[in-house]
PDB file of all heavy atoms in Angstrom:
ATOM      1  N   SER A   1     144.371-137.002 -52.569  1.00  0.00           N
ATOM      2  CA  SER A   1     143.387-137.619 -51.663  1.00  0.00           C
ATOM      3  C   SER A   1     143.457-136.981 -50.306  1.00  0.00           C
ATOM      4  O   SER A   1     142.443-136.703 -49.749  1.00  0.00           O
ATOM      5  CB  SER A   1     143.663-139.185 -51.585  1.00  0.00           C
ATOM      6  OG  SER A   1     143.542-139.817 -52.712  1.00  0.00           O
ATOM      7  N   HIS A   2     144.584-136.744 -49.772  1.00  0.00           N
ATOM      8  CA  HIS A   2     144.785-136.080 -48.472  1.00  0.00           C
ATOM      9  C   HIS A   2     144.074-134.652 -48.484  1.00  0.00           C
ATOM     10  O   HIS A   2     143.298-134.291 -47.577  1.00  0.00           O
ATOM     11  CB  HIS A   2     146.211-135.872 -48.146  1.00  0.00           C
ATOM     12  CG  HIS A   2     146.889-137.164 -47.784  1.00  0.00           C
ATOM     13  ND1 HIS A   2     146.407-138.205 -47.081  1.00  0.00           N
ATOM     14  CD2 HIS A   2     148.228-137.505 -47.916  1.00  0.00           C
ATOM     15  CE1 HIS A   2     147.174-139.113 -46.906  1.00  0.00           C
ATOM     16  NE2 HIS A   2     148.450-138.846 -47.398  1.00  0.00           N
ATOM     17  N   ALA A   3     144.271-133.914 -49.584  1.00  0.00           N
ATOM     18  CA  ALA A   3     143.604-132.579 -49.698  1.00  0.00           C
ATOM     19  C   ALA A   3     142.077-132.680 -49.671  1.00  0.00           C
ATOM     20  O   ALA A   3     141.463-132.048 -49.007  1.00  0.00           O
ATOM     21  CB  ALA A   3     144.198-131.773 -50.851  1.00  0.00           C
ATOM     22  N   SER A   4     141.660-133.540 -50.491  1.00  0.00           N
ATOM     23  CA  SER A   4     140.185-133.825 -50.563  1.00  0.00           C
ATOM     24  C   SER A   4     139.628-134.279 -49.296  1.00  0.00           C
ATOM     25  O   SER A   4     138.576-133.857 -48.806  1.00  0.00           O
ATOM     26  CB  SER A   4     139.899-134.982 -51.701  1.00  0.00           C
ATOM     27  OG  SER A   4     138.564-135.039 -51.806  1.00  0.00           O
ATOM     28  N   LEU A   5     140.255-135.113 -48.577  1.00  0.00           N
ATOM     29  CA  LEU A   5     139.833-135.573 -47.376  1.00  0.00           C
ATOM     30  C   LEU A   5     139.792-134.380 -46.169  1.00  0.00           C
ATOM     31  O   LEU A   5     138.866-134.252 -45.532  1.00  0.00           O
ATOM     32  CB  LEU A   5     140.798-136.641 -46.708  1.00  0.00           C
ATOM     33  CG  LEU A   5     140.404-138.114 -46.757  1.00  0.00           C
ATOM     34  CD1 LEU A   5     141.596-138.988 -46.447  1.00  0.00           C
ATOM     35  CD2 LEU A   5     139.161-138.456 -45.905  1.00  0.00           C
ATOM     36  N   LEU A   6     140.857-133.646 -46.221  1.00  0.00           N
ATOM     37  CA  LEU A   6     140.873-132.604 -45.332  1.00  0.00           C
ATOM     38  C   LEU A   6     139.807-131.531 -45.476  1.00  0.00           C
ATOM     39  O   LEU A   6     139.081-131.064 -44.707  1.00  0.00           O
ATOM     40  CB  LEU A   6     142.313-131.820 -45.459  1.00  0.00           C
ATOM     41  CG  LEU A   6     143.415-132.447 -44.742  1.00  0.00           C
ATOM     42  CD1 LEU A   6     144.777-131.904 -45.312  1.00  0.00           C
ATOM     43  CD2 LEU A   6     143.404-132.224 -43.291  1.00  0.00           C
ATOM     44  N   ARG A   7     139.518-131.283 -46.841  1.00  0.00           N
ATOM     45  CA  ARG A   7     138.422-130.227 -47.164  1.00  0.00           C
ATOM     46  C   ARG A   7     137.097-130.799 -46.997  1.00  0.00           C
ATOM     47  O   ARG A   7     136.210-130.208 -46.276  1.00  0.00           O
ATOM     48  CB  ARG A   7     138.597-129.715 -48.649  1.00  0.00           C
ATOM     49  CG  ARG A   7     139.835-129.012 -48.791  1.00  0.00           C
ATOM     50  CD  ARG A   7     139.754-127.594 -48.187  1.00  0.00           C
ATOM     51  NE  ARG A   7     140.880-126.764 -48.519  1.00  0.00           N
ATOM     52  CZ  ARG A   7     141.562-125.915 -47.758  1.00  0.00           C
ATOM     53  NH1 ARG A   7     141.242-125.824 -46.524  1.00  0.00           N
ATOM     54  NH2 ARG A   7     142.565-125.278 -48.302  1.00  0.00           N
ATOM     55  N   SER A   8     136.749-131.995 -47.635  1.00  0.00           N
ATOM     56  CA  SER A   8     135.418-132.524 -47.756  1.00  0.00           C
ATOM     57  C   SER A   8     134.989-133.162 -46.426  1.00  0.00           C
ATOM     58  O   SER A   8     133.938-133.046 -45.947  1.00  0.00           O
ATOM     59  CB  SER A   8     135.341-133.473 -48.914  1.00  0.00           C
ATOM     60  OG  SER A   8     135.669-132.755 -50.103  1.00  0.00           O
ATOM     61  N   ARG A   9     135.821-134.135 -45.903  1.00  0.00           N
ATOM     62  CA  ARG A   9     135.353-134.974 -44.800  1.00  0.00           C
ATOM     63  C   ARG A   9     135.642-134.324 -43.420  1.00  0.00           C
ATOM     64  O   ARG A   9     134.865-134.414 -42.600  1.00  0.00           O
ATOM     65  CB  ARG A   9     136.058-136.361 -44.869  1.00  0.00           C
ATOM     66  CG  ARG A   9     135.009-137.347 -45.172  1.00  0.00           C
ATOM     67  CD  ARG A   9     135.593-138.729 -45.046  1.00  0.00           C
ATOM     68  NE  ARG A   9     135.476-139.298 -46.421  1.00  0.00           N
ATOM     69  CZ  ARG A   9     136.082-140.380 -46.818  1.00  0.00           C
ATOM     70  NH1 ARG A   9     136.818-141.040 -45.948  1.00  0.00           N
ATOM     71  NH2 ARG A   9     135.827-140.759 -47.963  1.00  0.00           N
ATOM     72  N   LEU A  10     136.842-133.746 -43.394  1.00  0.00           N
ATOM     73  CA  LEU A  10     137.230-133.167 -42.037  1.00  0.00           C
ATOM     74  C   LEU A  10     136.879-131.639 -41.830  1.00  0.00           C
ATOM     75  O   LEU A  10     136.935-131.144 -40.844  1.00  0.00           O
ATOM     76  CB  LEU A  10     138.785-133.267 -41.886  1.00  0.00           C
ATOM     77  CG  LEU A  10     139.392-134.751 -41.940  1.00  0.00           C
ATOM     78  CD1 LEU A  10     140.841-134.805 -41.735  1.00  0.00           C
ATOM     79  CD2 LEU A  10     138.695-135.504 -40.863  1.00  0.00           C
ATOM     80  N   GLY A  11     136.471-131.038 -42.972  1.00  0.00           N
ATOM     81  CA  GLY A  11     136.008-129.635 -42.894  1.00  0.00           C
ATOM     82  C   GLY A  11     137.158-128.684 -42.663  1.00  0.00           C
ATOM     83  O   GLY A  11     136.944-127.618 -42.073  1.00  0.00           O
ATOM     84  N   TYR A  12     138.397-128.950 -42.954  1.00  0.00           N
ATOM     85  CA  TYR A  12     139.474-128.098 -42.703  1.00  0.00           C
ATOM     86  C   TYR A  12     139.325-126.863 -43.671  1.00  0.00           C
ATOM     87  O   TYR A  12     139.285-127.032 -44.868  1.00  0.00           O
ATOM     88  CB  TYR A  12     140.801-128.812 -42.876  1.00  0.00           C
ATOM     89  CG  TYR A  12     142.009-127.954 -42.584  1.00  0.00           C
ATOM     90  CD1 TYR A  12     142.298-127.406 -41.385  1.00  0.00           C
ATOM     91  CD2 TYR A  12     142.850-127.663 -43.701  1.00  0.00           C
ATOM     92  CE1 TYR A  12     143.453-126.553 -41.268  1.00  0.00           C
ATOM     93  CE2 TYR A  12     143.955-126.881 -43.579  1.00  0.00           C
ATOM     94  CZ  TYR A  12     144.284-126.324 -42.309  1.00  0.00           C
ATOM     95  OH  TYR A  12     145.334-125.568 -42.129  1.00  0.00           O
ATOM     96  N   HIS A  13     139.487-125.584 -43.107  1.00  0.00           N
ATOM     97  CA  HIS A  13     139.285-124.487 -43.902  1.00  0.00           C
ATOM     98  C   HIS A  13     140.526-123.669 -43.988  1.00  0.00           C
ATOM     99  O   HIS A  13     140.733-122.614 -44.554  1.00  0.00           O
ATOM    100  CB  HIS A  13     138.281-123.600 -43.358  1.00  0.00           C
ATOM    101  CG  HIS A  13     136.861-124.194 -43.358  1.00  0.00           C
ATOM    102  ND1 HIS A  13     136.152-124.428 -44.546  1.00  0.00           N
ATOM    103  CD2 HIS A  13     136.007-124.580 -42.501  1.00  0.00           C
ATOM    104  CE1 HIS A  13     135.028-124.951 -44.290  1.00  0.00           C
ATOM    105  NE2 HIS A  13     134.936-125.147 -42.959  1.00  0.00           N
ATOM    106  N   GLY A  14     141.674-124.165 -43.286  1.00  0.00           N
ATOM    107  CA  GLY A  14     142.965-123.430 -43.322  1.00  0.00           C
ATOM    108  C   GLY A  14     143.681-123.663 -44.629  1.00  0.00           C
ATOM    109  O   GLY A  14     143.228-124.250 -45.570  1.00  0.00           O
ATOM    110  N   ALA A  15     144.994-123.247 -44.640  1.00  0.00           N
ATOM    111  CA  ALA A  15     145.824-123.372 -45.782  1.00  0.00           C
ATOM    112  C   ALA A  15     146.345-124.685 -46.019  1.00  0.00           C
ATOM    113  O   ALA A  15     146.769-125.429 -45.106  1.00  0.00           O
ATOM    114  CB  ALA A  15     147.020-122.337 -45.632  1.00  0.00           C
ATOM    115  N   ILE A  16     146.401-125.076 -47.269  1.00  0.00           N
ATOM    116  CA  ILE A  16     147.022-126.335 -47.738  1.00  0.00           C
ATOM    117  C   ILE A  16     147.901-126.056 -48.847  1.00  0.00           C
ATOM    118  O   ILE A  16     147.537-125.398 -49.753  1.00  0.00           O
ATOM    119  CB  ILE A  16     145.941-127.401 -48.182  1.00  0.00           C
ATOM    120  CG1 ILE A  16     144.877-127.726 -47.068  1.00  0.00           C
ATOM    121  CG2 ILE A  16     146.557-128.766 -48.669  1.00  0.00           C
ATOM    122  CD1 ILE A  16     143.801-128.669 -47.486  1.00  0.00           C
ATOM    123  N   ARG A  17     149.160-126.602 -48.627  1.00  0.00           N
ATOM    124  CA  ARG A  17     150.126-126.349 -49.663  1.00  0.00           C
ATOM    125  C   ARG A  17     150.769-127.737 -50.208  1.00  0.00           C
ATOM    126  O   ARG A  17     150.948-128.678 -49.424  1.00  0.00           O
ATOM    127  CB  ARG A  17     151.303-125.625 -49.069  1.00  0.00           C
ATOM    128  CG  ARG A  17     152.492-125.441 -50.098  1.00  0.00           C
ATOM    129  CD  ARG A  17     153.619-124.539 -49.452  1.00  0.00           C
ATOM    130  NE  ARG A  17     153.022-123.223 -49.288  1.00  0.00           N
ATOM    131  CZ  ARG A  17     153.449-122.309 -48.439  1.00  0.00           C
ATOM    132  NH1 ARG A  17     154.572-122.525 -47.801  1.00  0.00           N
ATOM    133  NH2 ARG A  17     152.867-121.133 -48.253  1.00  0.00           N
ATOM    134  N   ALA A  18     150.970-127.823 -51.485  1.00  0.00           N
ATOM    135  CA  ALA A  18     151.669-128.964 -52.154  1.00  0.00           C
ATOM    136  C   ALA A  18     153.125-128.658 -52.136  1.00  0.00           C
ATOM    137  O   ALA A  18     153.639-127.559 -52.568  1.00  0.00           O
ATOM    138  CB  ALA A  18     151.113-129.179 -53.562  1.00  0.00           C
ATOM    139  N   VAL A  19     153.938-129.560 -51.690  1.00  0.00           N
ATOM    140  CA  VAL A  19     155.388-129.444 -51.729  1.00  0.00           C
ATOM    141  C   VAL A  19     155.991-130.659 -52.417  1.00  0.00           C
ATOM    142  O   VAL A  19     155.409-131.763 -52.376  1.00  0.00           O
ATOM    143  CB  VAL A  19     156.046-129.249 -50.265  1.00  0.00           C
ATOM    144  CG1 VAL A  19     155.398-127.937 -49.701  1.00  0.00           C
ATOM    145  CG2 VAL A  19     155.738-130.413 -49.528  1.00  0.00           C
ATOM    146  N   GLY A  20     157.185-130.548 -53.011  1.00  0.00           N
ATOM    147  CA  GLY A  20     157.825-131.718 -53.600  1.00  0.00           C
ATOM    148  C   GLY A  20     157.898-131.489 -55.118  1.00  0.00           C
ATOM    149  O   GLY A  20     158.083-130.466 -55.530  1.00  0.00           O
ATOM    150  N   ASP A  21     157.631-132.658 -55.853  1.00  0.00           N
ATOM    151  CA  ASP A  21     157.734-132.731 -57.309  1.00  0.00           C
ATOM    152  C   ASP A  21     156.418-132.234 -57.887  1.00  0.00           C
ATOM    153  O   ASP A  21     155.654-133.033 -58.306  1.00  0.00           O
ATOM    154  CB  ASP A  21     158.075-134.174 -57.615  1.00  0.00           C
ATOM    155  CG  ASP A  21     158.424-134.233 -59.201  1.00  0.00           C
ATOM    156  OD1 ASP A  21     158.703-133.232 -59.714  1.00  0.00           O
ATOM    157  OD2 ASP A  21     158.542-135.456 -59.692  1.00  0.00           O
ATOM    158  N   VAL A  22     156.227-130.987 -57.844  1.00  0.00           N
ATOM    159  CA  VAL A  22     155.001-130.299 -58.369  1.00  0.00           C
ATOM    160  C   VAL A  22     155.325-129.902 -59.863  1.00  0.00           C
ATOM    161  O   VAL A  22     156.149-129.031 -60.071  1.00  0.00           O
ATOM    162  CB  VAL A  22     154.647-129.103 -57.524  1.00  0.00           C
ATOM    163  CG1 VAL A  22     153.377-128.497 -58.131  1.00  0.00           C
ATOM    164  CG2 VAL A  22     154.349-129.602 -55.965  1.00  0.00           C
ATOM    165  N   LEU A  23     154.445-130.487 -60.748  1.00  0.00           N
ATOM    166  CA  LEU A  23     154.680-130.079 -62.178  1.00  0.00           C
ATOM    167  C   LEU A  23     153.385-129.190 -62.588  1.00  0.00           C
ATOM    168  O   LEU A  23     152.365-129.280 -62.003  1.00  0.00           O
ATOM    169  CB  LEU A  23     154.638-131.442 -62.956  1.00  0.00           C
ATOM    170  CG  LEU A  23     155.733-132.397 -62.643  1.00  0.00           C
ATOM    171  CD1 LEU A  23     155.727-133.630 -63.577  1.00  0.00           C
ATOM    172  CD2 LEU A  23     157.041-131.811 -62.779  1.00  0.00           C
ATOM    173  N   ILE A  24     153.541-128.472 -63.631  1.00  0.00           N
ATOM    174  CA  ILE A  24     152.665-127.454 -64.082  1.00  0.00           C
ATOM    175  C   ILE A  24     151.211-128.052 -64.383  1.00  0.00           C
ATOM    176  O   ILE A  24     150.222-127.467 -64.067  1.00  0.00           O
ATOM    177  CB  ILE A  24     153.084-126.623 -65.304  1.00  0.00           C
ATOM    178  CG1 ILE A  24     152.181-125.585 -65.675  1.00  0.00           C
ATOM    179  CG2 ILE A  24     153.278-127.479 -66.454  1.00  0.00           C
ATOM    180  CD1 ILE A  24     152.194-124.442 -64.555  1.00  0.00           C
ATOM    181  N   ASP A  25     151.137-129.263 -64.988  1.00  0.00           N
ATOM    182  CA  ASP A  25     149.955-129.832 -65.433  1.00  0.00           C
ATOM    183  C   ASP A  25     149.083-130.420 -64.206  1.00  0.00           C
ATOM    184  O   ASP A  25     147.982-130.641 -64.237  1.00  0.00           O
ATOM    185  CB  ASP A  25     150.136-130.898 -66.447  1.00  0.00           C
ATOM    186  CG  ASP A  25     151.159-131.980 -66.019  1.00  0.00           C
ATOM    187  OD1 ASP A  25     151.809-131.807 -65.132  1.00  0.00           O
ATOM    188  OD2 ASP A  25     150.984-133.111 -66.710  1.00  0.00           O
ATOM    189  N   GLN A  26     149.819-130.515 -63.069  1.00  0.00           N
ATOM    190  CA  GLN A  26     149.117-130.944 -61.852  1.00  0.00           C
ATOM    191  C   GLN A  26     148.436-129.869 -61.085  1.00  0.00           C
ATOM    192  O   GLN A  26     147.497-130.036 -60.293  1.00  0.00           O
ATOM    193  CB  GLN A  26     150.151-131.609 -60.914  1.00  0.00           C
ATOM    194  CG  GLN A  26     150.756-132.921 -61.412  1.00  0.00           C
ATOM    195  CD  GLN A  26     151.881-133.434 -60.542  1.00  0.00           C
ATOM    196  OE1 GLN A  26     152.721-132.591 -60.131  1.00  0.00           O
ATOM    197  NE2 GLN A  26     151.768-134.694 -60.212  1.00  0.00           N
ATOM    198  N   ILE A  27     148.881-128.727 -61.208  1.00  0.00           N
ATOM    199  CA  ILE A  27     148.458-127.506 -60.397  1.00  0.00           C
ATOM    200  C   ILE A  27     146.938-127.177 -60.547  1.00  0.00           C
ATOM    201  O   ILE A  27     146.294-127.075 -59.502  1.00  0.00           O
ATOM    202  CB  ILE A  27     149.347-126.274 -60.598  1.00  0.00           C
ATOM    203  CG1 ILE A  27     150.779-126.575 -60.209  1.00  0.00           C
ATOM    204  CG2 ILE A  27     148.756-124.985 -59.926  1.00  0.00           C
ATOM    205  CD1 ILE A  27     151.757-125.498 -60.462  1.00  0.00           C
TER     206      ILE A  27
END
């Protein structure tokens, strides 16, 4: 939801990274 908000609503065009418990099926 944070990523979607940053891109769609806030118009952020910079880099976004997922950190933590990242599993292959989520990527």
